[in-house]
Amino acid sequence: MFSTLAVCYLFLGGVGGGAAVVIGACGLATPREALALVPRTASPFARAGDRNAPAFSLRDMEAYRRLLAPLSFAALALLFVGMVCLLADLGSPDRAMLLFTSPHASFIAVGAWVLACTAAALVVQCALWGGWLRLPVAAARAIQLACVVLGVATALYTGLMLSDLQAVPLWATPLLPALFVLSSLSCGLALAIISAHLSGAARSFPSLLRTFERFDAAAIAIEGAVLAAFVVRATSPAGQTATDQVRETAGNLLVSGPDAWAFWALFVGAGLVVPFVFDLACSFGSRRPRAASPFLAFFAMACVLVGGFVMRYCIVGAGMQPYAALAGTF
């Protein structure tokens, strides 16, 4: 049985992976001069405006650091908490060590190494944008690229781990990893938008915020299409085999069972529709309500994060519930 800790791990790992993709992509788009002149002493959370600061650091470098340093710390913290949830769910340190020392390649063992490498890349990002590490431009670019690749791998792994469990027919489809990746990317963009508003970087990068919102709208639109295909497959009439019947039972539980209200209201309604409307209004609208936009952004992006967790909770619960019912636990 997948516990609530496992669901938290799937969610936090996905958000951390999606945020790593955003951090790496922003780092790759950062001007060469910014990467070459990362200051060592200025605080990434300090207000830009120190008259004694160099001109480039004042106008440009500090803005990049205010954008990427808090986001790097937030992504690392979420990924770390997700790893703690995984270790707690395993139940003992010996089982955790087996993930890294097992000679047999499995999704969970490979995923443990992917998580560790992603966390290491985020540590370097924190040190770089925090002003404690200075790297050659080529090395900094390599770290940004590695962060993108590892972030995608982390987000993909959380879905592949479930879809590889053929004994749970609801999960045994390539649509599930695609759904998890799209949700992770949307959650990573939501975390980036929240972080930019909290740190004040949104004022320095208004066009980048619009780009975030447009990518988020695209990710949500594709996620909605994948979700529709997933629901149609899950609820289509069962065939002759017991596997088909279990899959249909789980699908019906997902869309009309005890937790269906959370699936439709918190995931589809709040997690997809609300942020999609916000993204379209802010990124393509002719006028943006500046005074209200931070509050609206916090609300819409919080909906994305809540929806991401609820989606994983509902899909995991619906997939396992037929077996739990057979075992007499329901």
Protein backbone atom coordinates (compact mmCIF):
# COMPACT_ATOMS: atom_id res chain seq x y z
CA MET A 1 0.00 0.00 0.00
CA PHE A 2 1.19 3.51 -0.80
CA SER A 3 1.01 5.66 2.32
CA THR A 4 0.38 9.39 2.59
CA LEU A 5 4.16 9.79 2.99
CA ALA A 6 4.62 8.18 -0.43
CA VAL A 7 2.10 10.58 -1.97
CA CYS A 8 3.94 13.51 -0.34
CA TYR A 9 7.19 12.19 -1.79
CA LEU A 10 5.68 11.92 -5.28
CA PHE A 11 4.39 15.49 -5.01
CA LEU A 12 7.46 17.12 -3.46
CA GLY A 13 9.81 15.27 -5.80
CA GLY A 14 7.75 16.43 -8.76
CA VAL A 15 7.69 20.06 -7.62
CA GLY A 16 11.42 20.01 -6.88
CA GLY A 17 12.13 18.47 -10.28
CA GLY A 18 9.91 20.98 -12.09
CA ALA A 19 11.55 23.88 -10.25
CA ALA A 20 15.00 22.50 -11.15
CA VAL A 21 13.99 22.61 -14.82
CA VAL A 22 12.92 26.25 -14.46
CA ILE A 23 16.12 27.20 -12.59
CA GLY A 24 18.33 25.51 -15.16
CA ALA A 25 16.47 27.04 -18.10
CA CYS A 26 16.70 30.53 -16.55
CA GLY A 27 20.38 29.95 -15.87
CA LEU A 28 21.00 28.97 -19.48
CA ALA A 29 19.25 32.18 -20.58
CA THR A 30 21.28 34.32 -18.15
CA PRO A 31 23.78 36.60 -19.95
CA ARG A 32 27.38 35.44 -19.97
CA GLU A 33 28.43 38.56 -18.07
CA ALA A 34 26.11 37.70 -15.20
CA LEU A 35 27.56 34.20 -14.84
CA ALA A 36 31.12 35.54 -15.01
CA LEU A 37 30.59 38.22 -12.36
CA VAL A 38 28.62 36.41 -9.68
CA PRO A 39 29.59 38.36 -6.54
CA ARG A 40 30.69 36.42 -3.48
CA THR A 41 29.61 38.63 -0.65
CA ALA A 42 26.28 40.33 -1.46
CA SER A 43 23.22 38.71 0.04
CA PRO A 44 20.81 37.22 -2.54
CA PHE A 45 17.92 38.55 -0.45
CA ALA A 46 19.32 42.10 -0.03
CA ARG A 47 17.53 44.99 -1.67
CA ALA A 48 19.16 46.30 -4.83
CA GLY A 49 20.17 49.89 -4.23
CA ASP A 50 23.47 49.80 -2.37
CA ARG A 51 25.40 52.80 -3.67
CA ASN A 52 28.73 51.11 -2.93
CA ALA A 53 27.92 48.12 -5.11
CA PRO A 54 29.44 47.83 -8.59
CA ALA A 55 27.24 49.09 -11.40
CA PHE A 56 26.71 45.69 -13.01
CA SER A 57 25.91 44.03 -9.71
CA LEU A 58 23.52 46.81 -8.79
CA ARG A 59 21.50 46.83 -11.98
CA ASP A 60 21.82 43.32 -13.31
CA MET A 61 23.53 40.75 -11.14
CA GLU A 62 21.48 41.44 -8.03
CA ALA A 63 18.27 41.09 -10.03
CA TYR A 64 19.29 37.66 -11.32
CA ARG A 65 20.28 36.57 -7.84
CA ARG A 66 17.01 37.79 -6.35
CA LEU A 67 15.22 35.71 -8.97
CA LEU A 68 17.22 32.48 -8.81
CA ALA A 69 18.70 32.23 -5.31
CA PRO A 70 15.41 32.04 -3.36
CA LEU A 71 13.95 29.67 -5.96
CA SER A 72 17.02 27.41 -5.71
CA PHE A 73 16.75 27.28 -1.93
CA ALA A 74 13.00 26.56 -2.12
CA ALA A 75 13.45 23.77 -4.69
CA LEU A 76 16.23 22.17 -2.64
CA ALA A 77 14.15 22.35 0.54
CA LEU A 78 11.13 20.70 -1.12
CA LEU A 79 13.28 17.99 -2.66
CA PHE A 80 14.96 17.35 0.69
CA VAL A 81 11.60 17.05 2.49
CA GLY A 82 10.44 14.69 -0.27
CA MET A 83 13.51 12.51 0.26
CA VAL A 84 12.83 12.49 4.01
CA CYS A 85 9.26 11.33 3.28
CA LEU A 86 10.63 8.52 1.10
CA LEU A 87 13.10 7.42 3.78
CA ALA A 88 10.40 7.55 6.47
CA ASP A 89 8.08 5.49 4.27
CA LEU A 90 10.78 2.84 3.78
CA GLY A 91 10.86 2.42 7.55
CA SER A 92 14.55 1.75 8.22
CA PRO A 93 17.98 3.13 7.23
CA ASP A 94 18.99 -0.30 5.92
CA ARG A 95 16.29 -0.20 3.26
CA ALA A 96 17.40 3.29 2.28
CA MET A 97 21.00 2.13 1.84
CA LEU A 98 19.82 -0.76 -0.34
CA LEU A 99 18.43 1.79 -2.81
CA PHE A 100 21.97 3.04 -3.47
CA THR A 101 23.88 -0.25 -3.16
CA SER A 102 21.53 -2.70 -4.88
CA PRO A 103 23.22 -4.28 -7.93
CA HIS A 104 19.84 -4.66 -9.64
CA ALA A 105 18.56 -1.73 -11.66
CA SER A 106 15.00 -0.86 -10.73
CA PHE A 107 12.93 2.28 -11.04
CA ILE A 108 13.11 3.00 -7.32
CA ALA A 109 16.89 2.42 -7.15
CA VAL A 110 17.60 4.51 -10.25
CA GLY A 111 15.18 7.12 -8.95
CA ALA A 112 17.08 7.35 -5.65
CA TRP A 113 20.26 8.18 -7.53
CA VAL A 114 18.42 10.68 -9.73
CA LEU A 115 17.04 12.40 -6.63
CA ALA A 116 20.50 12.52 -5.06
CA CYS A 117 22.06 13.99 -8.22
CA THR A 118 19.28 16.55 -8.56
CA ALA A 119 19.75 17.58 -4.94
CA ALA A 120 23.50 17.94 -5.53
CA ALA A 121 22.90 20.11 -8.61
CA LEU A 122 20.52 22.31 -6.59
CA VAL A 123 23.13 22.65 -3.83
CA VAL A 124 25.55 24.00 -6.44
CA GLN A 125 22.84 26.35 -7.72
CA CYS A 126 22.27 27.65 -4.17
CA ALA A 127 25.99 28.22 -3.69
CA LEU A 128 26.34 29.88 -7.10
CA TRP A 129 23.40 32.27 -6.86
CA GLY A 130 23.91 32.72 -3.13
CA GLY A 131 27.29 34.27 -3.84
CA TRP A 132 29.40 31.58 -2.14
CA LEU A 133 30.73 29.91 -5.28
CA ARG A 134 32.28 31.31 -8.42
CA LEU A 135 32.59 29.09 -11.47
CA PRO A 136 33.97 29.52 -14.99
CA VAL A 137 31.21 30.37 -17.43
CA ALA A 138 31.48 26.98 -19.18
CA ALA A 139 31.15 25.14 -15.85
CA ALA A 140 28.19 27.31 -14.84
CA ARG A 141 26.47 26.57 -18.15
CA ALA A 142 27.09 22.84 -17.63
CA ILE A 143 25.48 23.03 -14.18
CA GLN A 144 22.43 24.78 -15.63
CA LEU A 145 22.06 22.12 -18.35
CA ALA A 146 22.51 19.31 -15.81
CA CYS A 147 19.81 20.90 -13.65
CA VAL A 148 17.35 20.83 -16.57
CA VAL A 149 18.11 17.21 -17.46
CA LEU A 150 18.02 15.99 -13.86
CA GLY A 151 14.83 17.95 -13.17
CA VAL A 152 13.07 16.29 -16.10
CA ALA A 153 14.38 12.90 -14.98
CA THR A 154 13.10 13.45 -11.44
CA ALA A 155 9.64 14.49 -12.62
CA LEU A 156 9.50 11.61 -15.11
CA TYR A 157 10.69 9.04 -12.58
CA THR A 158 7.82 9.65 -10.16
CA GLY A 159 5.35 8.70 -12.90
CA LEU A 160 7.41 5.83 -14.31
CA MET A 161 7.67 4.24 -10.87
CA LEU A 162 3.88 3.93 -10.72
CA SER A 163 3.29 3.00 -14.35
CA ASP A 164 5.83 0.18 -14.04
CA LEU A 165 3.62 -1.50 -11.43
CA GLN A 166 1.64 -3.64 -13.86
CA ALA A 167 -0.34 -5.14 -10.98
CA VAL A 168 -2.24 -1.84 -10.67
CA PRO A 169 -4.05 -1.49 -14.03
CA LEU A 170 -5.05 2.15 -13.48
CA TRP A 171 -1.38 3.18 -13.44
CA ALA A 172 -0.12 0.86 -16.18
CA THR A 173 -0.18 3.41 -19.00
CA PRO A 174 2.38 5.84 -20.48
CA LEU A 175 -0.20 8.57 -19.97
CA LEU A 176 0.60 8.58 -16.24
CA PRO A 177 4.29 9.62 -16.56
CA ALA A 178 3.26 12.27 -19.09
CA LEU A 179 0.63 13.59 -16.67
CA PHE A 180 3.15 13.69 -13.81
CA VAL A 181 5.78 15.49 -15.90
CA LEU A 182 3.34 18.16 -17.06
CA SER A 183 2.02 18.62 -13.52
CA SER A 184 5.59 18.87 -12.17
CA LEU A 185 6.52 21.50 -14.75
CA SER A 186 3.39 23.51 -13.96
CA CYS A 187 4.11 23.26 -10.22
CA GLY A 188 7.73 24.31 -10.81
CA LEU A 189 6.58 27.37 -12.76
CA ALA A 190 4.06 28.15 -10.01
CA LEU A 191 6.83 28.00 -7.40
CA ALA A 192 8.98 30.29 -9.57
CA ILE A 193 6.20 32.86 -9.92
CA ILE A 194 5.50 32.84 -6.17
CA SER A 195 9.22 33.16 -5.40
CA ALA A 196 9.67 36.03 -7.86
CA HIS A 197 6.84 38.00 -6.27
CA LEU A 198 8.04 37.35 -2.72
CA SER A 199 11.66 38.32 -3.48
CA GLY A 200 10.71 41.37 -5.55
CA ALA A 201 12.33 39.94 -8.68
CA ALA A 202 8.98 40.16 -10.49
CA ARG A 203 9.46 43.93 -10.76
CA SER A 204 12.82 43.44 -12.49
CA PHE A 205 11.64 40.73 -14.90
CA PRO A 206 8.06 41.52 -16.00
CA SER A 207 8.59 39.93 -19.42
CA LEU A 208 10.02 36.79 -17.84
CA LEU A 209 6.96 36.52 -15.61
CA ARG A 210 4.77 36.69 -18.70
CA THR A 211 6.89 33.94 -20.24
CA PHE A 212 6.42 31.82 -17.11
CA GLU A 213 2.67 32.36 -17.29
CA ARG A 214 2.51 31.46 -20.98
CA PHE A 215 4.49 28.27 -20.45
CA ASP A 216 2.29 27.45 -17.47
CA ALA A 217 -0.83 27.96 -19.58
CA ALA A 218 0.60 25.67 -22.28
CA ALA A 219 1.56 23.01 -19.72
CA ILE A 220 -1.91 23.13 -18.14
CA ALA A 221 -3.64 22.89 -21.53
CA ILE A 222 -1.59 19.82 -22.51
CA GLU A 223 -2.04 18.38 -19.01
CA GLY A 224 -5.81 18.73 -19.41
CA ALA A 225 -5.71 16.86 -22.73
CA VAL A 226 -3.58 14.06 -21.24
CA LEU A 227 -5.90 13.90 -18.23
CA ALA A 228 -8.93 13.54 -20.50
CA ALA A 229 -7.26 10.64 -22.32
CA PHE A 230 -6.31 9.07 -18.98
CA VAL A 231 -9.88 9.30 -17.66
CA VAL A 232 -11.37 7.90 -20.89
CA ARG A 233 -8.99 4.93 -20.75
CA ALA A 234 -9.63 4.39 -17.05
CA THR A 235 -13.43 4.39 -17.33
CA SER A 236 -13.88 2.63 -20.67
CA PRO A 237 -15.96 -0.58 -20.48
CA ALA A 238 -13.98 -3.48 -19.11
CA GLY A 239 -12.96 -6.40 -21.26
CA GLN A 240 -13.05 -10.07 -20.39
CA THR A 241 -9.98 -10.15 -18.18
CA ALA A 242 -9.83 -9.47 -14.44
CA THR A 243 -7.22 -6.78 -15.11
CA ASP A 244 -9.67 -4.83 -17.26
CA GLN A 245 -12.35 -5.11 -14.59
CA VAL A 246 -10.02 -3.84 -11.86
CA ARG A 247 -8.96 -0.97 -14.12
CA GLU A 248 -12.58 0.03 -14.76
CA THR A 249 -13.42 -0.21 -11.05
CA ALA A 250 -10.48 2.02 -10.17
CA GLY A 251 -11.38 4.48 -12.92
CA ASN A 252 -14.95 4.77 -11.67
CA LEU A 253 -13.66 5.33 -8.14
CA LEU A 254 -11.45 8.12 -9.45
CA VAL A 255 -14.25 10.04 -11.17
CA SER A 256 -17.26 9.13 -9.02
CA GLY A 257 -15.99 7.54 -5.84
CA PRO A 258 -15.69 8.98 -2.30
CA ASP A 259 -12.77 11.25 -3.26
CA ALA A 260 -14.22 12.31 -6.62
CA TRP A 261 -15.19 15.73 -5.22
CA ALA A 262 -11.51 16.44 -4.51
CA PHE A 263 -10.51 15.21 -7.96
CA TRP A 264 -13.00 17.44 -9.77
CA ALA A 265 -13.11 20.47 -7.46
CA LEU A 266 -9.54 20.72 -6.14
CA PHE A 267 -7.59 19.28 -9.06
CA VAL A 268 -9.60 19.97 -12.20
CA GLY A 269 -11.38 23.12 -11.02
CA ALA A 270 -8.85 24.80 -8.73
CA GLY A 271 -5.67 23.17 -10.03
CA LEU A 272 -6.28 23.48 -13.77
CA VAL A 273 -9.12 25.88 -14.64
CA VAL A 274 -8.34 28.69 -12.17
CA PRO A 275 -4.61 29.04 -12.99
CA PHE A 276 -5.25 28.57 -16.71
CA VAL A 277 -7.66 31.50 -16.73
CA PHE A 278 -5.21 33.57 -14.65
CA ASP A 279 -2.29 32.75 -16.97
CA LEU A 280 -4.26 33.71 -20.08
CA ALA A 281 -5.55 36.94 -18.53
CA CYS A 282 -2.10 38.04 -17.32
CA SER A 283 0.10 36.89 -20.18
CA PHE A 284 -2.11 37.78 -23.13
CA GLY A 285 -4.36 40.49 -21.70
CA SER A 286 -3.90 44.05 -22.91
CA ARG A 287 -3.82 45.42 -19.34
CA ARG A 288 -2.50 43.79 -16.20
CA PRO A 289 -3.90 44.90 -12.81
CA ARG A 290 -0.58 45.72 -11.12
CA ALA A 291 -1.93 46.29 -7.62
CA ALA A 292 -3.90 43.07 -7.55
CA SER A 293 -1.57 40.86 -9.59
CA PRO A 294 0.67 39.67 -6.66
CA PHE A 295 -2.34 38.54 -4.63
CA LEU A 296 -3.98 36.95 -7.66
CA ALA A 297 -0.69 35.29 -8.58
CA PHE A 298 -0.29 33.83 -5.09
CA PHE A 299 -3.84 32.50 -5.16
CA ALA A 300 -3.65 31.04 -8.68
CA MET A 301 -0.24 29.46 -8.18
CA ALA A 302 -1.27 28.06 -4.79
CA CYS A 303 -4.16 26.42 -6.65
CA VAL A 304 -1.62 24.79 -8.98
CA LEU A 305 0.31 23.33 -6.05
CA VAL A 306 -2.82 22.13 -4.26
CA GLY A 307 -4.10 20.59 -7.48
CA GLY A 308 -0.78 18.82 -8.07
CA PHE A 309 -0.93 17.15 -4.67
CA VAL A 310 -4.62 16.24 -4.95
CA MET A 311 -4.10 14.70 -8.39
CA ARG A 312 -1.41 12.36 -7.07
CA TYR A 313 -3.42 11.56 -3.94
CA CYS A 314 -6.57 10.69 -5.92
CA ILE A 315 -4.81 8.61 -8.58
CA VAL A 316 -2.77 6.66 -6.02
CA GLY A 317 -5.83 6.08 -3.83
CA ALA A 318 -8.11 5.04 -6.68
CA GLY A 319 -5.51 2.64 -8.07
CA MET A 320 -5.00 0.90 -4.73
CA GLN A 321 -8.57 0.94 -3.42
CA PRO A 322 -9.84 -2.19 -5.27
CA TYR A 323 -7.02 -4.20 -3.70
CA ALA A 324 -7.62 -2.65 -0.31
CA ALA A 325 -11.29 -3.63 -0.59
CA LEU A 326 -10.31 -7.22 -1.43
CA ALA A 327 -7.99 -7.25 1.58
CA GLY A 328 -10.87 -6.17 3.82
CA THR A 329 -9.38 -2.82 4.81
CA PHE A 330 -12.34 -0.85 3.48
